[in-house]
Amino acid sequence: MKLVWALVQPSRLEEVKDALADAGVEGMTVWRAEGFGEQKGHTEIYRGAPYRIEFLPRVAVMVVASDERAERVVEAIRKGAHTGRVGDGKIFVLPVEDAVRIRTGDHGAQAV
């Protein structure tokens, strides 16, 4: 199994969700996050005074998938999050040793 963990722009969350649904993903976890990458934030003007925004809003999306489906999940997130501009996000793929469904005690792929 693989953990596909992505950081995307909040404005692209619906597109990512729809792309994952089209790819057959039945569940995901999403939470709000803040951070910066290559762009290192930006400067805005508030009441005539400039101030620096270093941490930009992002959405973290987490999906656990079988080894066979992981690449399809990655491609769905990439397509849904893509705008072609700096700050589109990142996708990380990590191995998952085991998963346990608390309600039934199922292990491995049956728990996902």
PDB file of N, CA and C in Angstrom:
ATOM      1  N   MET A   1       0.837  -1.182   0.000  1.00  0.00           N
ATOM      2  CA  MET A   1       0.000   0.000   0.000  1.00  0.00           C
ATOM      3  C   MET A   1       0.877   1.237   0.000  1.00  0.00           C
ATOM      4  N   LYS A   2       0.292   2.343  -0.480  1.00  0.00           N
ATOM      5  CA  LYS A   2       1.002   3.610  -0.545  1.00  0.00           C
ATOM      6  C   LYS A   2       0.143   4.707   0.090  1.00  0.00           C
ATOM      7  N   LEU A   3       0.822   5.641   0.740  1.00  0.00           N
ATOM      8  CA  LEU A   3       0.180   6.855   1.227  1.00  0.00           C
ATOM      9  C   LEU A   3       0.510   7.948   0.225  1.00  0.00           C
ATOM     10  N   VAL A   4      -0.506   8.487  -0.416  1.00  0.00           N
ATOM     11  CA  VAL A   4      -0.335   9.599  -1.345  1.00  0.00           C
ATOM     12  C   VAL A   4      -0.769  10.845  -0.590  1.00  0.00           C
ATOM     13  N   TRP A   5       0.183  11.733  -0.387  1.00  0.00           N
ATOM     14  CA  TRP A   5      -0.021  12.922   0.433  1.00  0.00           C
ATOM     15  C   TRP A   5       0.296  14.119  -0.438  1.00  0.00           C
ATOM     16  N   ALA A   6      -0.670  15.015  -0.605  1.00  0.00           N
ATOM     17  CA  ALA A   6      -0.489  16.142  -1.517  1.00  0.00           C
ATOM     18  C   ALA A   6      -0.810  17.451  -0.822  1.00  0.00           C
ATOM     19  N   LEU A   7      -0.092  18.494  -1.200  1.00  0.00           N
ATOM     20  CA  LEU A   7      -0.374  19.860  -0.774  1.00  0.00           C
ATOM     21  C   LEU A   7      -0.786  20.624  -2.023  1.00  0.00           C
ATOM     22  N   VAL A   8      -2.005  21.161  -2.021  1.00  0.00           N
ATOM     23  CA  VAL A   8      -2.540  21.840  -3.197  1.00  0.00           C
ATOM     24  C   VAL A   8      -3.153  23.180  -2.800  1.00  0.00           C
ATOM     25  N   GLN A   9      -3.419  24.008  -3.787  1.00  0.00           N
ATOM     26  CA  GLN A   9      -4.068  25.288  -3.540  1.00  0.00           C
ATOM     27  C   GLN A   9      -5.518  25.054  -3.128  1.00  0.00           C
ATOM     28  N   PRO A  10      -6.011  25.803  -2.142  1.00  0.00           N
ATOM     29  CA  PRO A  10      -7.403  25.628  -1.706  1.00  0.00           C
ATOM     30  C   PRO A  10      -8.411  25.795  -2.836  1.00  0.00           C
ATOM     31  N   SER A  11      -8.119  26.659  -3.777  1.00  0.00           N
ATOM     32  CA  SER A  11      -9.048  26.899  -4.883  1.00  0.00           C
ATOM     33  C   SER A  11      -9.168  25.696  -5.817  1.00  0.00           C
ATOM     34  N   ARG A  12      -8.266  24.734  -5.725  1.00  0.00           N
ATOM     35  CA  ARG A  12      -8.278  23.558  -6.594  1.00  0.00           C
ATOM     36  C   ARG A  12      -8.829  22.315  -5.912  1.00  0.00           C
ATOM     37  N   LEU A  13      -9.295  22.439  -4.673  1.00  0.00           N
ATOM     38  CA  LEU A  13      -9.753  21.267  -3.923  1.00  0.00           C
ATOM     39  C   LEU A  13     -10.911  20.554  -4.616  1.00  0.00           C
ATOM     40  N   GLU A  14     -11.892  21.275  -5.104  1.00  0.00           N
ATOM     41  CA  GLU A  14     -13.035  20.627  -5.763  1.00  0.00           C
ATOM     42  C   GLU A  14     -12.595  19.855  -6.998  1.00  0.00           C
ATOM     43  N   GLU A  15     -11.678  20.429  -7.778  1.00  0.00           N
ATOM     44  CA  GLU A  15     -11.181  19.743  -8.970  1.00  0.00           C
ATOM     45  C   GLU A  15     -10.419  18.479  -8.596  1.00  0.00           C
ATOM     46  N   VAL A  16      -9.629  18.551  -7.516  1.00  0.00           N
ATOM     47  CA  VAL A  16      -8.897  17.371  -7.043  1.00  0.00           C
ATOM     48  C   VAL A  16      -9.877  16.306  -6.570  1.00  0.00           C
ATOM     49  N   LYS A  17     -10.864  16.711  -5.802  1.00  0.00           N
ATOM     50  CA  LYS A  17     -11.870  15.762  -5.298  1.00  0.00           C
ATOM     51  C   LYS A  17     -12.597  15.079  -6.450  1.00  0.00           C
ATOM     52  N   ASP A  18     -12.998  15.851  -7.446  1.00  0.00           N
ATOM     53  CA  ASP A  18     -13.701  15.281  -8.600  1.00  0.00           C
ATOM     54  C   ASP A  18     -12.797  14.339  -9.398  1.00  0.00           C
ATOM     55  N   ALA A  19     -11.529  14.720  -9.584  1.00  0.00           N
ATOM     56  CA  ALA A  19     -10.596  13.857 -10.315  1.00  0.00           C
ATOM     57  C   ALA A  19     -10.362  12.547  -9.569  1.00  0.00           C
ATOM     58  N   LEU A  20     -10.271  12.621  -8.239  1.00  0.00           N
ATOM     59  CA  LEU A  20     -10.100  11.399  -7.452  1.00  0.00           C
ATOM     60  C   LEU A  20     -11.342  10.520  -7.533  1.00  0.00           C
ATOM     61  N   ALA A  21     -12.515  11.130  -7.490  1.00  0.00           N
ATOM     62  CA  ALA A  21     -13.755  10.353  -7.616  1.00  0.00           C
ATOM     63  C   ALA A  21     -13.814   9.669  -8.978  1.00  0.00           C
ATOM     64  N   ASP A  22     -13.426  10.380 -10.041  1.00  0.00           N
ATOM     65  CA  ASP A  22     -13.397   9.787 -11.380  1.00  0.00           C
ATOM     66  C   ASP A  22     -12.406   8.635 -11.465  1.00  0.00           C
ATOM     67  N   ALA A  23     -11.344   8.677 -10.648  1.00  0.00           N
ATOM     68  CA  ALA A  23     -10.331   7.615 -10.627  1.00  0.00           C
ATOM     69  C   ALA A  23     -10.747   6.454  -9.734  1.00  0.00           C
ATOM     70  N   GLY A  24     -11.917   6.547  -9.110  1.00  0.00           N
ATOM     71  CA  GLY A  24     -12.418   5.449  -8.293  1.00  0.00           C
ATOM     72  C   GLY A  24     -12.007   5.497  -6.833  1.00  0.00           C
ATOM     73  N   VAL A  25     -11.480   6.624  -6.381  1.00  0.00           N
ATOM     74  CA  VAL A  25     -11.089   6.746  -4.972  1.00  0.00           C
ATOM     75  C   VAL A  25     -12.356   6.927  -4.143  1.00  0.00           C
ATOM     76  N   GLU A  26     -12.502   6.107  -3.117  1.00  0.00           N
ATOM     77  CA  GLU A  26     -13.714   6.121  -2.301  1.00  0.00           C
ATOM     78  C   GLU A  26     -13.561   6.919  -1.017  1.00  0.00           C
ATOM     79  N   GLY A  27     -12.336   7.257  -0.620  1.00  0.00           N
ATOM     80  CA  GLY A  27     -12.158   8.004   0.612  1.00  0.00           C
ATOM     81  C   GLY A  27     -10.864   8.797   0.601  1.00  0.00           C
ATOM     82  N   MET A  28     -10.870   9.884   1.334  1.00  0.00           N
ATOM     83  CA  MET A  28      -9.688  10.726   1.456  1.00  0.00           C
ATOM     84  C   MET A  28      -9.812  11.533   2.733  1.00  0.00           C
ATOM     85  N   THR A  29      -8.710  12.061   3.186  1.00  0.00           N
ATOM     86  CA  THR A  29      -8.697  12.966   4.331  1.00  0.00           C
ATOM     87  C   THR A  29      -8.130  14.293   3.849  1.00  0.00           C
ATOM     88  N   VAL A  30      -8.771  15.375   4.268  1.00  0.00           N
ATOM     89  CA  VAL A  30      -8.374  16.707   3.841  1.00  0.00           C
ATOM     90  C   VAL A  30      -8.278  17.595   5.066  1.00  0.00           C
ATOM     91  N   TRP A  31      -7.243  18.436   5.108  1.00  0.00           N
ATOM     92  CA  TRP A  31      -7.157  19.424   6.176  1.00  0.00           C
ATOM     93  C   TRP A  31      -6.479  20.673   5.657  1.00  0.00           C
ATOM     94  N   ARG A  32      -6.757  21.783   6.330  1.00  0.00           N
ATOM     95  CA  ARG A  32      -6.167  23.070   5.957  1.00  0.00           C
ATOM     96  C   ARG A  32      -4.740  23.133   6.479  1.00  0.00           C
ATOM     97  N   ALA A  33      -3.877  23.743   5.689  1.00  0.00           N
ATOM     98  CA  ALA A  33      -2.471  23.870   6.071  1.00  0.00           C
ATOM     99  C   ALA A  33      -1.962  25.228   5.593  1.00  0.00           C
ATOM    100  N   GLU A  34      -0.794  25.594   6.065  1.00  0.00           N
ATOM    101  CA  GLU A  34      -0.106  26.795   5.610  1.00  0.00           C
ATOM    102  C   GLU A  34       1.350  26.441   5.369  1.00  0.00           C
ATOM    103  N   GLY A  35       1.956  27.105   4.405  1.00  0.00           N
ATOM    104  CA  GLY A  35       3.366  26.849   4.146  1.00  0.00           C
ATOM    105  C   GLY A  35       3.855  27.697   3.001  1.00  0.00           C
ATOM    106  N   PHE A  36       5.103  27.458   2.623  1.00  0.00           N
ATOM    107  CA  PHE A  36       5.652  28.138   1.461  1.00  0.00           C
ATOM    108  C   PHE A  36       6.665  27.227   0.799  1.00  0.00           C
ATOM    109  N   GLY A  37       6.887  27.492  -0.464  1.00  0.00           N
ATOM    110  CA  GLY A  37       7.850  26.736  -1.248  1.00  0.00           C
ATOM    111  C   GLY A  37       8.764  27.697  -1.968  1.00  0.00           C
ATOM    112  N   GLU A  38       8.909  27.494  -3.262  1.00  0.00           N
ATOM    113  CA  GLU A  38       9.811  28.321  -4.055  1.00  0.00           C
ATOM    114  C   GLU A  38       9.459  29.800  -4.026  1.00  0.00           C
ATOM    115  N   GLN A  39       8.150  30.115  -3.960  1.00  0.00           N
ATOM    116  CA  GLN A  39       7.765  31.518  -4.042  1.00  0.00           C
ATOM    117  C   GLN A  39       8.019  32.288  -2.752  1.00  0.00           C
ATOM    118  N   LYS A  40       8.249  31.622  -1.645  1.00  0.00           N
ATOM    119  CA  LYS A  40       8.594  32.253  -0.361  1.00  0.00           C
ATOM    120  C   LYS A  40       7.578  33.306   0.087  1.00  0.00           C
ATOM    121  N   GLY A  41       6.300  33.067  -0.164  1.00  0.00           N
ATOM    122  CA  GLY A  41       5.269  34.011   0.257  1.00  0.00           C
ATOM    123  C   GLY A  41       5.209  35.214  -0.660  1.00  0.00           C
ATOM    124  N   HIS A  42       4.555  36.283  -0.187  1.00  0.00           N
ATOM    125  CA  HIS A  42       4.458  37.497  -0.972  1.00  0.00           C
ATOM    126  C   HIS A  42       4.189  38.690  -0.058  1.00  0.00           C
ATOM    127  N   THR A  43       4.284  39.891  -0.620  1.00  0.00           N
ATOM    128  CA  THR A  43       4.051  41.116   0.132  1.00  0.00           C
ATOM    129  C   THR A  43       2.714  41.713  -0.299  1.00  0.00           C
ATOM    130  N   GLU A  44       1.928  42.169   0.674  1.00  0.00           N
ATOM    131  CA  GLU A  44       0.668  42.843   0.396  1.00  0.00           C
ATOM    132  C   GLU A  44       0.671  44.199   1.075  1.00  0.00           C
ATOM    133  N   ILE A  45      -0.247  45.047   0.659  1.00  0.00           N
ATOM    134  CA  ILE A  45      -0.402  46.375   1.249  1.00  0.00           C
ATOM    135  C   ILE A  45      -1.690  46.371   2.067  1.00  0.00           C
ATOM    136  N   TYR A  46      -1.599  46.758   3.338  1.00  0.00           N
ATOM    137  CA  TYR A  46      -2.768  46.856   4.197  1.00  0.00           C
ATOM    138  C   TYR A  46      -2.773  48.244   4.822  1.00  0.00           C
ATOM    139  N   ARG A  47      -3.808  49.016   4.522  1.00  0.00           N
ATOM    140  CA  ARG A  47      -3.924  50.395   5.014  1.00  0.00           C
ATOM    141  C   ARG A  47      -2.667  51.211   4.724  1.00  0.00           C
ATOM    142  N   GLY A  48      -2.169  51.024   3.519  1.00  0.00           N
ATOM    143  CA  GLY A  48      -1.025  51.794   3.069  1.00  0.00           C
ATOM    144  C   GLY A  48       0.327  51.287   3.506  1.00  0.00           C
ATOM    145  N   ALA A  49       0.370  50.272   4.330  1.00  0.00           N
ATOM    146  CA  ALA A  49       1.653  49.752   4.825  1.00  0.00           C
ATOM    147  C   ALA A  49       1.894  48.347   4.262  1.00  0.00           C
ATOM    148  N   PRO A  50       3.071  48.103   3.725  1.00  0.00           N
ATOM    149  CA  PRO A  50       3.367  46.759   3.225  1.00  0.00           C
ATOM    150  C   PRO A  50       3.610  45.779   4.378  1.00  0.00           C
ATOM    151  N   TYR A  51       3.144  44.575   4.206  1.00  0.00           N
ATOM    152  CA  TYR A  51       3.472  43.513   5.163  1.00  0.00           C
ATOM    153  C   TYR A  51       3.672  42.216   4.405  1.00  0.00           C
ATOM    154  N   ARG A  52       4.482  41.396   4.974  1.00  0.00           N
ATOM    155  CA  ARG A  52       4.913  40.156   4.320  1.00  0.00           C
ATOM    156  C   ARG A  52       4.040  38.992   4.778  1.00  0.00           C
ATOM    157  N   ILE A  53       3.525  38.233   3.814  1.00  0.00           N
ATOM    158  CA  ILE A  53       2.804  36.993   4.099  1.00  0.00           C
ATOM    159  C   ILE A  53       3.744  35.859   3.716  1.00  0.00           C
ATOM    160  N   GLU A  54       4.281  35.183   4.722  1.00  0.00           N
ATOM    161  CA  GLU A  54       5.240  34.109   4.449  1.00  0.00           C
ATOM    162  C   GLU A  54       4.562  32.758   4.266  1.00  0.00           C
ATOM    163  N   PHE A  55       3.536  32.491   5.062  1.00  0.00           N
ATOM    164  CA  PHE A  55       2.860  31.198   4.982  1.00  0.00           C
ATOM    165  C   PHE A  55       1.578  31.365   4.195  1.00  0.00           C
ATOM    166  N   LEU A  56       1.506  30.664   3.067  1.00  0.00           N
ATOM    167  CA  LEU A  56       0.352  30.749   2.184  1.00  0.00           C
ATOM    168  C   LEU A  56      -0.610  29.604   2.486  1.00  0.00           C
ATOM    169  N   PRO A  57      -1.910  29.842   2.294  1.00  0.00           N
ATOM    170  CA  PRO A  57      -2.879  28.777   2.566  1.00  0.00           C
ATOM    171  C   PRO A  57      -2.738  27.635   1.568  1.00  0.00           C
ATOM    172  N   ARG A  58      -2.835  26.437   2.069  1.00  0.00           N
ATOM    173  CA  ARG A  58      -2.789  25.218   1.265  1.00  0.00           C
ATOM    174  C   ARG A  58      -3.809  24.238   1.832  1.00  0.00           C
ATOM    175  N   VAL A  59      -4.086  23.215   1.060  1.00  0.00           N
ATOM    176  CA  VAL A  59      -4.925  22.113   1.513  1.00  0.00           C
ATOM    177  C   VAL A  59      -4.089  20.851   1.405  1.00  0.00           C
ATOM    178  N   ALA A  60      -4.070  20.061   2.457  1.00  0.00           N
ATOM    179  CA  ALA A  60      -3.387  18.772   2.450  1.00  0.00           C
ATOM    180  C   ALA A  60      -4.431  17.692   2.160  1.00  0.00           C
ATOM    181  N   VAL A  61      -4.123  16.831   1.214  1.00  0.00           N
ATOM    182  CA  VAL A  61      -5.014  15.731   0.829  1.00  0.00           C
ATOM    183  C   VAL A  61      -4.247  14.435   1.048  1.00  0.00           C
ATOM    184  N   MET A  62      -4.875  13.482   1.738  1.00  0.00           N
ATOM    185  CA  MET A  62      -4.224  12.219   2.041  1.00  0.00           C
ATOM    186  C   MET A  62      -5.113  11.073   1.557  1.00  0.00           C
ATOM    187  N   VAL A  63      -4.518  10.173   0.780  1.00  0.00           N
ATOM    188  CA  VAL A  63      -5.224   9.000   0.267  1.00  0.00           C
ATOM    189  C   VAL A  63      -4.316   7.792   0.452  1.00  0.00           C
ATOM    190  N   VAL A  64      -4.853   6.708   0.982  1.00  0.00           N
ATOM    191  CA  VAL A  64      -4.124   5.442   1.039  1.00  0.00           C
ATOM    192  C   VAL A  64      -4.691   4.563  -0.062  1.00  0.00           C
ATOM    193  N   ALA A  65      -3.786   4.035  -0.891  1.00  0.00           N
ATOM    194  CA  ALA A  65      -4.209   3.236  -2.045  1.00  0.00           C
ATOM    195  C   ALA A  65      -3.340   1.993  -2.149  1.00  0.00           C
ATOM    196  N   SER A  66      -3.852   1.008  -2.843  1.00  0.00           N
ATOM    197  CA  SER A  66      -3.046  -0.186  -3.112  1.00  0.00           C
ATOM    198  C   SER A  66      -1.882   0.210  -4.014  1.00  0.00           C
ATOM    199  N   ASP A  67      -0.847  -0.616  -4.018  1.00  0.00           N
ATOM    200  CA  ASP A  67       0.310  -0.333  -4.863  1.00  0.00           C
ATOM    201  C   ASP A  67      -0.103  -0.169  -6.330  1.00  0.00           C
ATOM    202  N   GLU A  68      -1.071  -0.968  -6.772  1.00  0.00           N
ATOM    203  CA  GLU A  68      -1.510  -0.933  -8.159  1.00  0.00           C
ATOM    204  C   GLU A  68      -2.245   0.358  -8.496  1.00  0.00           C
ATOM    205  N   ARG A  69      -2.969   0.937  -7.554  1.00  0.00           N
ATOM    206  CA  ARG A  69      -3.785   2.125  -7.812  1.00  0.00           C
ATOM    207  C   ARG A  69      -3.076   3.426  -7.474  1.00  0.00           C
ATOM    208  N   ALA A  70      -1.928   3.369  -6.818  1.00  0.00           N
ATOM    209  CA  ALA A  70      -1.262   4.581  -6.344  1.00  0.00           C
ATOM    210  C   ALA A  70      -0.927   5.548  -7.477  1.00  0.00           C
ATOM    211  N   GLU A  71      -0.428   5.030  -8.591  1.00  0.00           N
ATOM    212  CA  GLU A  71      -0.068   5.917  -9.703  1.00  0.00           C
ATOM    213  C   GLU A  71      -1.294   6.609 -10.287  1.00  0.00           C
ATOM    214  N   ARG A  72      -2.413   5.907 -10.317  1.00  0.00           N
ATOM    215  CA  ARG A  72      -3.660   6.511 -10.799  1.00  0.00           C
ATOM    216  C   ARG A  72      -4.111   7.634  -9.868  1.00  0.00           C
ATOM    217  N   VAL A  73      -3.926   7.435  -8.561  1.00  0.00           N
ATOM    218  CA  VAL A  73      -4.259   8.471  -7.580  1.00  0.00           C
ATOM    219  C   VAL A  73      -3.358   9.689  -7.763  1.00  0.00           C
ATOM    220  N   VAL A  74      -2.073   9.456  -7.928  1.00  0.00           N
ATOM    221  CA  VAL A  74      -1.128  10.563  -8.139  1.00  0.00           C
ATOM    222  C   VAL A  74      -1.515  11.355  -9.379  1.00  0.00           C
ATOM    223  N   GLU A  75      -1.809  10.670 -10.459  1.00  0.00           N
ATOM    224  CA  GLU A  75      -2.157  11.366 -11.704  1.00  0.00           C
ATOM    225  C   GLU A  75      -3.464  12.145 -11.561  1.00  0.00           C
ATOM    226  N   ALA A  76      -4.428  11.594 -10.831  1.00  0.00           N
ATOM    227  CA  ALA A  76      -5.695  12.299 -10.620  1.00  0.00           C
ATOM    228  C   ALA A  76      -5.467  13.589  -9.827  1.00  0.00           C
ATOM    229  N   ILE A  77      -4.667  13.524  -8.784  1.00  0.00           N
ATOM    230  CA  ILE A  77      -4.376  14.726  -7.992  1.00  0.00           C
ATOM    231  C   ILE A  77      -3.623  15.736  -8.850  1.00  0.00           C
ATOM    232  N   ARG A  78      -2.653  15.256  -9.602  1.00  0.00           N
ATOM    233  CA  ARG A  78      -1.867  16.164 -10.448  1.00  0.00           C
ATOM    234  C   ARG A  78      -2.754  16.886 -11.454  1.00  0.00           C
ATOM    235  N   LYS A  79      -3.642  16.147 -12.107  1.00  0.00           N
ATOM    236  CA  LYS A  79      -4.535  16.765 -13.082  1.00  0.00           C
ATOM    237  C   LYS A  79      -5.494  17.747 -12.418  1.00  0.00           C
ATOM    238  N   GLY A  80      -6.027  17.390 -11.266  1.00  0.00           N
ATOM    239  CA  GLY A  80      -6.980  18.269 -10.587  1.00  0.00           C
ATOM    240  C   GLY A  80      -6.349  19.524 -10.024  1.00  0.00           C
ATOM    241  N   ALA A  81      -5.105  19.444  -9.589  1.00  0.00           N
ATOM    242  CA  ALA A  81      -4.440  20.578  -8.938  1.00  0.00           C
ATOM    243  C   ALA A  81      -3.685  21.471  -9.918  1.00  0.00           C
ATOM    244  N   HIS A  82      -3.466  21.015 -11.126  1.00  0.00           N
ATOM    245  CA  HIS A  82      -2.596  21.722 -12.078  1.00  0.00           C
ATOM    246  C   HIS A  82      -3.224  23.017 -12.582  1.00  0.00           C
ATOM    247  N   THR A  83      -2.468  24.119 -12.473  1.00  0.00           N
ATOM    248  CA  THR A  83      -2.838  25.395 -13.101  1.00  0.00           C
ATOM    249  C   THR A  83      -1.721  25.866 -14.020  1.00  0.00           C
ATOM    250  N   GLY A  84      -0.519  25.318 -13.833  1.00  0.00           N
ATOM    251  CA  GLY A  84       0.627  25.740 -14.613  1.00  0.00           C
ATOM    252  C   GLY A  84       1.377  26.914 -14.021  1.00  0.00           C
ATOM    253  N   ARG A  85       0.948  27.358 -12.834  1.00  0.00           N
ATOM    254  CA  ARG A  85       1.609  28.489 -12.182  1.00  0.00           C
ATOM    255  C   ARG A  85       2.410  28.003 -10.973  1.00  0.00           C
ATOM    256  N   VAL A  86       3.353  28.849 -10.554  1.00  0.00           N
ATOM    257  CA  VAL A  86       4.136  28.544  -9.354  1.00  0.00           C
ATOM    258  C   VAL A  86       3.166  28.412  -8.182  1.00  0.00           C
ATOM    259  N   GLY A  87       3.383  27.410  -7.342  1.00  0.00           N
ATOM    260  CA  GLY A  87       2.531  27.212  -6.175  1.00  0.00           C
ATOM    261  C   GLY A  87       1.444  26.182  -6.362  1.00  0.00           C
ATOM    262  N   ASP A  88       1.480  25.429  -7.479  1.00  0.00           N
ATOM    263  CA  ASP A  88       0.471  24.387  -7.693  1.00  0.00           C
ATOM    264  C   ASP A  88       0.501  23.324  -6.605  1.00  0.00           C
ATOM    265  N   GLY A  89       1.662  23.060  -6.016  1.00  0.00           N
ATOM    266  CA  GLY A  89       1.738  22.113  -4.911  1.00  0.00           C
ATOM    267  C   GLY A  89       2.732  20.999  -5.154  1.00  0.00           C
ATOM    268  N   LYS A  90       2.664  20.021  -4.267  1.00  0.00           N
ATOM    269  CA  LYS A  90       3.557  18.857  -4.314  1.00  0.00           C
ATOM    270  C   LYS A  90       2.748  17.609  -3.965  1.00  0.00           C
ATOM    271  N   ILE A  91       3.229  16.479  -4.485  1.00  0.00           N
ATOM    272  CA  ILE A  91       2.643  15.175  -4.151  1.00  0.00           C
ATOM    273  C   ILE A  91       3.771  14.290  -3.658  1.00  0.00           C
ATOM    274  N   PHE A  92       3.531  13.628  -2.530  1.00  0.00           N
ATOM    275  CA  PHE A  92       4.506  12.707  -1.954  1.00  0.00           C
ATOM    276  C   PHE A  92       3.876  11.318  -1.888  1.00  0.00           C
ATOM    277  N   VAL A  93       4.658  10.299  -2.183  1.00  0.00           N
ATOM    278  CA  VAL A  93       4.185   8.918  -2.118  1.00  0.00           C
ATOM    279  C   VAL A  93       5.083   8.170  -1.147  1.00  0.00           C
ATOM    280  N   LEU A  94       4.468   7.591  -0.111  1.00  0.00           N
ATOM    281  CA  LEU A  94       5.216   6.888   0.922  1.00  0.00           C
ATOM    282  C   LEU A  94       4.662   5.471   1.091  1.00  0.00           C
ATOM    283  N   PRO A  95       5.500   4.529   1.468  1.00  0.00           N
ATOM    284  CA  PRO A  95       5.007   3.170   1.722  1.00  0.00           C
ATOM    285  C   PRO A  95       4.190   3.125   3.018  1.00  0.00           C
ATOM    286  N   VAL A  96       3.176   2.279   3.011  1.00  0.00           N
ATOM    287  CA  VAL A  96       2.363   2.046   4.211  1.00  0.00           C
ATOM    288  C   VAL A  96       2.574   0.593   4.613  1.00  0.00           C
ATOM    289  N   GLU A  97       3.046   0.388   5.808  1.00  0.00           N
ATOM    290  CA  GLU A  97       3.336  -0.958   6.274  1.00  0.00           C
ATOM    291  C   GLU A  97       2.069  -1.753   6.562  1.00  0.00           C
ATOM    292  N   ASP A  98       1.086  -1.107   7.177  1.00  0.00           N
ATOM    293  CA  ASP A  98      -0.150  -1.797   7.527  1.00  0.00           C
ATOM    294  C   ASP A  98      -1.243  -0.775   7.750  1.00  0.00           C
ATOM    295  N   ALA A  99      -2.479  -1.214   7.697  1.00  0.00           N
ATOM    296  CA  ALA A  99      -3.640  -0.404   8.031  1.00  0.00           C
ATOM    297  C   ALA A  99      -4.590  -1.292   8.813  1.00  0.00           C
ATOM    298  N   VAL A 100      -5.274  -0.716   9.780  1.00  0.00           N
ATOM    299  CA  VAL A 100      -6.215  -1.484  10.597  1.00  0.00           C
ATOM    300  C   VAL A 100      -7.527  -0.714  10.675  1.00  0.00           C
ATOM    301  N   ARG A 101      -8.623  -1.371  10.302  1.00  0.00           N
ATOM    302  CA  ARG A 101      -9.947  -0.765  10.469  1.00  0.00           C
ATOM    303  C   ARG A 101     -10.368  -1.027  11.909  1.00  0.00           C
ATOM    304  N   ILE A 102     -10.566   0.029  12.657  1.00  0.00           N
ATOM    305  CA  ILE A 102     -10.857  -0.079  14.088  1.00  0.00           C
ATOM    306  C   ILE A 102     -12.151  -0.859  14.323  1.00  0.00           C
ATOM    307  N   ARG A 103     -13.192  -0.589  13.560  1.00  0.00           N
ATOM    308  CA  ARG A 103     -14.492  -1.222  13.784  1.00  0.00           C
ATOM    309  C   ARG A 103     -14.443  -2.732  13.653  1.00  0.00           C
ATOM    310  N   THR A 104     -13.754  -3.250  12.624  1.00  0.00           N
ATOM    311  CA  THR A 104     -13.785  -4.694  12.347  1.00  0.00           C
ATOM    312  C   THR A 104     -12.485  -5.416  12.678  1.00  0.00           C
ATOM    313  N   GLY A 105     -11.406  -4.661  12.790  1.00  0.00           N
ATOM    314  CA  GLY A 105     -10.112  -5.289  13.009  1.00  0.00           C
ATOM    315  C   GLY A 105      -9.440  -5.765  11.735  1.00  0.00           C
ATOM    316  N   ASP A 106     -10.041  -5.467  10.576  1.00  0.00           N
ATOM    317  CA  ASP A 106      -9.442  -5.844   9.290  1.00  0.00           C
ATOM    318  C   ASP A 106      -8.064  -5.201   9.160  1.00  0.00           C
ATOM    319  N   HIS A 107      -7.138  -5.946   8.530  1.00  0.00           N
ATOM    320  CA  HIS A 107      -5.775  -5.457   8.313  1.00  0.00           C
ATOM    321  C   HIS A 107      -5.517  -5.321   6.815  1.00  0.00           C
ATOM    322  N   GLY A 108      -4.505  -4.524   6.491  1.00  0.00           N
ATOM    323  CA  GLY A 108      -4.030  -4.412   5.114  1.00  0.00           C
ATOM    324  C   GLY A 108      -5.032  -3.780   4.184  1.00  0.00           C
ATOM    325  N   ALA A 109      -5.064  -4.281   2.943  1.00  0.00           N
ATOM    326  CA  ALA A 109      -5.919  -3.698   1.915  1.00  0.00           C
ATOM    327  C   ALA A 109      -7.400  -3.763   2.288  1.00  0.00           C
ATOM    328  N   GLN A 110      -7.807  -4.767   3.054  1.00  0.00           N
ATOM    329  CA  GLN A 110      -9.214  -4.862   3.459  1.00  0.00           C
ATOM    330  C   GLN A 110      -9.607  -3.719   4.385  1.00  0.00           C
ATOM    331  N   ALA A 111      -8.643  -3.118   5.064  1.00  0.00           N
ATOM    332  CA  ALA A 111      -8.936  -2.017   5.983  1.00  0.00           C
ATOM    333  C   ALA A 111      -9.063  -0.685   5.256  1.00  0.00           C
ATOM    334  N   VAL A 112      -8.539  -0.635   4.037  1.00  0.00           N
ATOM    335  CA  VAL A 112      -8.587   0.607   3.281  1.00  0.00           C
ATOM    336  C   VAL A 112      -9.842   0.618   2.485  1.00  0.00           C
TER     337      VAL A 112
END
